[in-house]
Amino acid sequence: MRKIHELRGLGPVSAKLLESVEIHDEDDLRAIGAPEAYARVRLAAAPSASLNLLYALHAALCDVDWRMLPSELKSVLRNEAGV
């Protein structure tokens, strides 16, 4: 079980945002998924969180750079997150 800041592409700011919505580690993030985690952060902690956070959360779970995500996948993630 890795802490959020240990995941690829996520740092202390992302970790703090996720902790504010009770997501403390990789297992927590995996259990709810990137779109739900992003939606929770936007609702409770950072309404102006950019879509880059959504992409970074998903990419971290896949252990890839978020900039490598295909545009089709980004569109699916946005739809799942309700944005």
C-alpha atoms as a PDB file:
ATOM      1  CA  MET A   1       0.000   0.000   0.000  1.00  0.00           C
ATOM      2  CA  ARG A   2       1.605   3.230  -1.187  1.00  0.00           C
ATOM      3  CA  LYS A   3       0.808   6.672   0.121  1.00  0.00           C
ATOM      4  CA  ILE A   4      -0.642   9.121  -2.396  1.00  0.00           C
ATOM      5  CA  HIS A   5       2.558  11.158  -2.687  1.00  0.00           C
ATOM      6  CA  GLU A   6       4.429   7.969  -3.622  1.00  0.00           C
ATOM      7  CA  LEU A   7       2.305   7.424  -6.726  1.00  0.00           C
ATOM      8  CA  ARG A   8       3.650   8.564 -10.066  1.00  0.00           C
ATOM      9  CA  GLY A   9       2.741  12.148 -10.883  1.00  0.00           C
ATOM     10  CA  LEU A  10       1.086  12.935  -7.541  1.00  0.00           C
ATOM     11  CA  GLY A  11       2.750  15.129  -4.969  1.00  0.00           C
ATOM     12  CA  PRO A  12       2.035  16.735  -1.627  1.00  0.00           C
ATOM     13  CA  VAL A  13      -0.669  19.089  -2.931  1.00  0.00           C
ATOM     14  CA  SER A  14      -2.622  16.236  -4.522  1.00  0.00           C
ATOM     15  CA  ALA A  15      -2.131  14.142  -1.389  1.00  0.00           C
ATOM     16  CA  LYS A  16      -3.501  16.930   0.811  1.00  0.00           C
ATOM     17  CA  LEU A  17      -6.554  17.389  -1.402  1.00  0.00           C
ATOM     18  CA  LEU A  18      -7.276  13.665  -1.382  1.00  0.00           C
ATOM     19  CA  GLU A  19      -6.742  13.357   2.361  1.00  0.00           C
ATOM     20  CA  SER A  20      -9.328  16.090   2.861  1.00  0.00           C
ATOM     21  CA  VAL A  21     -11.902  13.716   1.335  1.00  0.00           C
ATOM     22  CA  GLU A  22     -10.674  10.646   3.252  1.00  0.00           C
ATOM     23  CA  ILE A  23      -8.505   9.157   0.499  1.00  0.00           C
ATOM     24  CA  HIS A  24      -5.203   8.364   2.160  1.00  0.00           C
ATOM     25  CA  ASP A  25      -3.427   5.801   0.006  1.00  0.00           C
ATOM     26  CA  GLU A  26      -3.388   3.888  -3.254  1.00  0.00           C
ATOM     27  CA  ASP A  27      -5.906   1.341  -1.979  1.00  0.00           C
ATOM     28  CA  ASP A  28      -8.416   4.064  -1.101  1.00  0.00           C
ATOM     29  CA  LEU A  29      -7.970   5.689  -4.506  1.00  0.00           C
ATOM     30  CA  ARG A  30      -8.257   2.386  -6.349  1.00  0.00           C
ATOM     31  CA  ALA A  31     -11.402   1.449  -4.415  1.00  0.00           C
ATOM     32  CA  ILE A  32     -13.358   4.503  -5.580  1.00  0.00           C
ATOM     33  CA  GLY A  33     -11.545   5.286  -8.826  1.00  0.00           C
ATOM     34  CA  ALA A  34     -10.129   8.484 -10.231  1.00  0.00           C
ATOM     35  CA  PRO A  35     -13.420  10.028 -11.475  1.00  0.00           C
ATOM     36  CA  GLU A  36     -15.151   9.671  -8.089  1.00  0.00           C
ATOM     37  CA  ALA A  37     -12.058  10.889  -6.213  1.00  0.00           C
ATOM     38  CA  TYR A  38     -11.875  13.941  -8.480  1.00  0.00           C
ATOM     39  CA  ALA A  39     -15.589  14.650  -8.033  1.00  0.00           C
ATOM     40  CA  ARG A  40     -15.226  14.458  -4.244  1.00  0.00           C
ATOM     41  CA  VAL A  41     -12.244  16.826  -4.260  1.00  0.00           C
ATOM     42  CA  ARG A  42     -14.138  19.326  -6.408  1.00  0.00           C
ATOM     43  CA  LEU A  43     -17.236  19.115  -4.233  1.00  0.00           C
ATOM     44  CA  ALA A  44     -15.597  19.289  -0.820  1.00  0.00           C
ATOM     45  CA  ALA A  45     -12.117  20.740  -1.052  1.00  0.00           C
ATOM     46  CA  ALA A  46     -11.230  22.466  -4.302  1.00  0.00           C
ATOM     47  CA  PRO A  47     -14.092  23.436  -6.610  1.00  0.00           C
ATOM     48  CA  SER A  48     -11.625  24.886  -9.094  1.00  0.00           C
ATOM     49  CA  ALA A  49      -9.448  21.764  -9.317  1.00  0.00           C
ATOM     50  CA  SER A  50      -8.271  21.418 -12.898  1.00  0.00           C
ATOM     51  CA  LEU A  51      -8.907  18.447 -15.121  1.00  0.00           C
ATOM     52  CA  ASN A  52      -5.202  17.717 -14.891  1.00  0.00           C
ATOM     53  CA  LEU A  53      -5.880  16.361 -11.407  1.00  0.00           C
ATOM     54  CA  LEU A  54      -8.448  13.937 -12.809  1.00  0.00           C
ATOM     55  CA  TYR A  55      -6.015  12.762 -15.460  1.00  0.00           C
ATOM     56  CA  ALA A  56      -3.142  12.530 -12.968  1.00  0.00           C
ATOM     57  CA  LEU A  57      -5.231  10.420 -10.582  1.00  0.00           C
ATOM     58  CA  HIS A  58      -6.092   7.927 -13.294  1.00  0.00           C
ATOM     59  CA  ALA A  59      -2.563   7.905 -14.690  1.00  0.00           C
ATOM     60  CA  ALA A  60      -1.119   7.316 -11.215  1.00  0.00           C
ATOM     61  CA  LEU A  61      -3.243   4.190 -10.863  1.00  0.00           C
ATOM     62  CA  CYS A  62      -1.910   2.997 -14.231  1.00  0.00           C
ATOM     63  CA  ASP A  63       1.662   4.088 -13.417  1.00  0.00           C
ATOM     64  CA  VAL A  64       1.951   6.261 -16.531  1.00  0.00           C
ATOM     65  CA  ASP A  65       2.487   9.965 -17.179  1.00  0.00           C
ATOM     66  CA  TRP A  66      -0.894  11.736 -17.378  1.00  0.00           C
ATOM     67  CA  ARG A  67       0.188  13.496 -20.563  1.00  0.00           C
ATOM     68  CA  MET A  68       0.310  10.100 -22.267  1.00  0.00           C
ATOM     69  CA  LEU A  69      -3.406   9.402 -21.765  1.00  0.00           C
ATOM     70  CA  PRO A  70      -5.273   9.316 -25.078  1.00  0.00           C
ATOM     71  CA  SER A  71      -7.886  12.003 -25.655  1.00  0.00           C
ATOM     72  CA  GLU A  72     -10.628   9.363 -25.902  1.00  0.00           C
ATOM     73  CA  LEU A  73      -9.800   8.131 -22.394  1.00  0.00           C
ATOM     74  CA  LYS A  74      -9.729  11.696 -21.079  1.00  0.00           C
ATOM     75  CA  SER A  75     -13.207  12.181 -22.477  1.00  0.00           C
ATOM     76  CA  VAL A  76     -14.453   9.027 -20.729  1.00  0.00           C
ATOM     77  CA  LEU A  77     -12.892  10.173 -17.453  1.00  0.00           C
ATOM     78  CA  ARG A  78     -14.556  13.598 -17.743  1.00  0.00           C
ATOM     79  CA  ASN A  79     -17.937  11.964 -18.384  1.00  0.00           C
ATOM     80  CA  GLU A  80     -17.517   9.607 -15.425  1.00  0.00           C
ATOM     81  CA  ALA A  81     -16.546  12.529 -13.195  1.00  0.00           C
ATOM     82  CA  GLY A  82     -19.533  14.537 -14.346  1.00  0.00           C
ATOM     83  CA  VAL A  83     -17.588  17.424 -15.868  1.00  0.00           C
END
